[in-house]
Amino acid sequence: MFKALKSFCGKVSMKKGEIKDINDENIINDLLNAGYIEKIKENIKEEIKEVKEEVKTEVKEIEEKIEKEVKKTKTSKTSKKKK
């Protein structure tokens, strides 16, 4: 998989930011050498791993906030009953 760093056209055409699988080694080498594309297959796995970790952290923080709010709500209801 390759990501276009710039828009270009020819035997292979891509717009900037587009991701495409290119199979012709000659075209790949020409586009890499010209700075038009970058290989991303290896990078995607790392990025996915990082995003998963970020999501886990965010979910944990949200769960902790919810738990605190639930405790506050239970405490408030209990306090009103005692009065």
Protein backbone atom coordinates (compact mmCIF):
# COMPACT_ATOMS: atom_id res chain seq x y z
CA MET A 1 0.00 0.00 0.00
CA PHE A 2 1.20 3.44 -0.90
CA LYS A 3 0.07 6.94 0.02
CA ALA A 4 0.30 9.80 -2.46
CA LEU A 5 2.33 12.71 -1.11
CA LYS A 6 1.34 14.85 -4.11
CA SER A 7 -1.29 14.56 -6.82
CA PHE A 8 0.01 13.07 -10.06
CA CYS A 9 -1.17 11.26 -13.19
CA GLY A 10 0.29 8.82 -15.67
CA LYS A 11 0.13 5.02 -15.80
CA VAL A 12 -0.92 5.36 -12.17
CA SER A 13 -2.87 8.42 -11.02
CA MET A 14 -3.50 9.48 -7.46
CA LYS A 15 -4.53 12.59 -5.60
CA LYS A 16 -2.69 13.82 -2.52
CA GLY A 17 -3.51 11.64 0.51
CA GLU A 18 -5.01 8.81 -1.53
CA ILE A 19 -3.99 5.27 -0.58
CA LYS A 20 -3.61 2.65 -3.28
CA ASP A 21 -1.99 -0.73 -3.83
CA ILE A 22 0.49 -0.55 -6.73
CA ASN A 23 1.89 -3.81 -8.09
CA ASP A 24 4.33 -2.71 -10.83
CA GLU A 25 7.84 -2.50 -9.30
CA ASN A 26 9.12 -0.11 -12.00
CA ILE A 27 6.28 2.34 -11.37
CA ILE A 28 6.72 2.02 -7.60
CA ASN A 29 10.44 2.77 -7.84
CA ASP A 30 9.88 5.76 -10.16
CA LEU A 31 7.21 7.26 -7.91
CA LEU A 32 9.21 6.65 -4.72
CA ASN A 33 12.34 8.22 -6.25
CA ALA A 34 10.35 11.21 -7.47
CA GLY A 35 8.87 11.72 -3.97
CA TYR A 36 5.29 11.24 -5.12
CA ILE A 37 4.43 8.28 -2.87
CA GLU A 38 5.43 6.64 0.39
CA LYS A 39 5.00 3.04 1.47
CA ILE A 40 2.55 2.79 4.35
CA LYS A 41 1.72 -0.88 4.90
CA GLU A 42 4.13 -1.24 7.83
CA ASN A 43 3.15 2.13 9.27
CA ILE A 44 -0.55 1.31 9.32
CA LYS A 45 -0.11 -1.53 11.80
CA GLU A 46 1.76 0.75 14.23
CA GLU A 47 -0.77 3.55 13.80
CA ILE A 48 -3.66 1.16 14.47
CA LYS A 49 -1.92 -0.09 17.61
CA GLU A 50 -1.40 3.50 18.83
CA VAL A 51 -5.01 4.45 18.13
CA LYS A 52 -6.28 1.35 19.98
CA GLU A 53 -4.19 2.32 23.02
CA GLU A 54 -5.50 5.90 22.88
CA VAL A 55 -9.08 4.65 22.68
CA LYS A 56 -8.55 2.27 25.62
CA THR A 57 -7.18 5.16 27.68
CA GLU A 58 -10.08 7.43 26.76
CA VAL A 59 -12.65 4.72 27.54
CA LYS A 60 -11.04 4.12 30.93
CA GLU A 61 -11.14 7.85 31.73
CA ILE A 62 -14.81 8.06 30.69
CA GLU A 63 -15.69 5.00 32.78
CA GLU A 64 -13.97 6.56 35.81
CA LYS A 65 -15.89 9.83 35.31
CA ILE A 66 -19.18 7.94 35.04
CA GLU A 67 -18.37 5.96 38.16
CA LYS A 68 -17.66 9.18 40.11
CA GLU A 69 -20.92 10.74 38.90
CA VAL A 70 -22.89 7.64 39.87
CA LYS A 71 -21.35 7.74 43.36
CA LYS A 72 -22.21 11.46 43.66
CA THR A 73 -25.78 10.77 42.58
CA LYS A 74 -26.17 7.89 45.04
CA THR A 75 -24.72 10.02 47.84
CA SER A 76 -27.05 12.93 47.02
CA LYS A 77 -30.15 10.71 47.01
CA THR A 78 -29.10 9.09 50.28
CA SER A 79 -28.55 12.50 51.91
CA LYS A 80 -32.03 13.69 50.88
CA LYS A 81 -33.68 10.60 52.34
CA LYS A 82 -32.04 11.18 55.74
CA LYS A 83 -33.54 14.68 55.99
